[in-house]
Amino acid sequence: MIDIAPLIKRSLVDLALEQLRQRITQGKWAVGERLPTEPELSAELGISRNTVREAMRVLAFSGLIEIRQGDGSYLRSMTDPLGAMKAMSQCSLGQAQETRQILEVEAIGLAALRRTEEDLQTLREALAESAQRFHGELESYIRADLIFHQRLVDAAHNPALSELYHYFSSIVAAQLRQTLNVQPRRQAVFDLHDALLDAVEQQDPERAKRLCRQLINEP
């Protein structure tokens, strides 16, 4: 006999999530406001407290709410990062490249203008780590490469850009994985990273942006 209990439970949690997200996006609660208790939400939604608890855990994981032990749950954001991630995960390779052109290129142009000596030091360390892993295991190299690119964006000193790139980096990883699984890694492409760091160090935003575009468009 097939055990269908997990499927039933999941459908109920999904229903609870849908209703809670709808209330959040419609502005029923303000950011920072304390949400109703689990018993109150259970009565309002017509579902069990256990289902409400599971749904609240998902919302906390996605960053929409904050659960404070002994105090209750508070609304942190009206935008669901998991929803954004789901949309990004469905983009094509070409769409991912277009997004990188808009987000990463402009961020690196700002980084060339705003970088500090501390930024340069962390960038050199990240690039050295990436170089060590260039001929090694693919996933290890991709992780190191993403750290370098994230630190480049962070050097723009714009928290919004850094956060956007943090979410988008999983799509960049998928793009790299798709490309490097069918094509060999080329030293000439990696050397563009050195040139890019030099442009940032020399505070040359136009050169940095040009090199970033070239790097993104390389097969």
Foldseek 3Di string as FASTA:
>chain_A
DDDCVVVVLVVLLVLLLVVVLVCLLVCVDDAFDFDDALVVSCVVSVHDSVSVVVNVVVCVVQPQWPQDPPPGIGGHDSDGLVVVLVVLVPDDLVVLLVVCLVQQLVLLLLLLQQADPVLLVVLVVLLVLLVVCLPHDDVSNLVSVLVNSLSSSVSSVDVVSSVVSVSSSVVVSVSSCVVCVVDPDDPVLSVLSVVLSVSSVVSPSVSNSVSSNVSSPDD
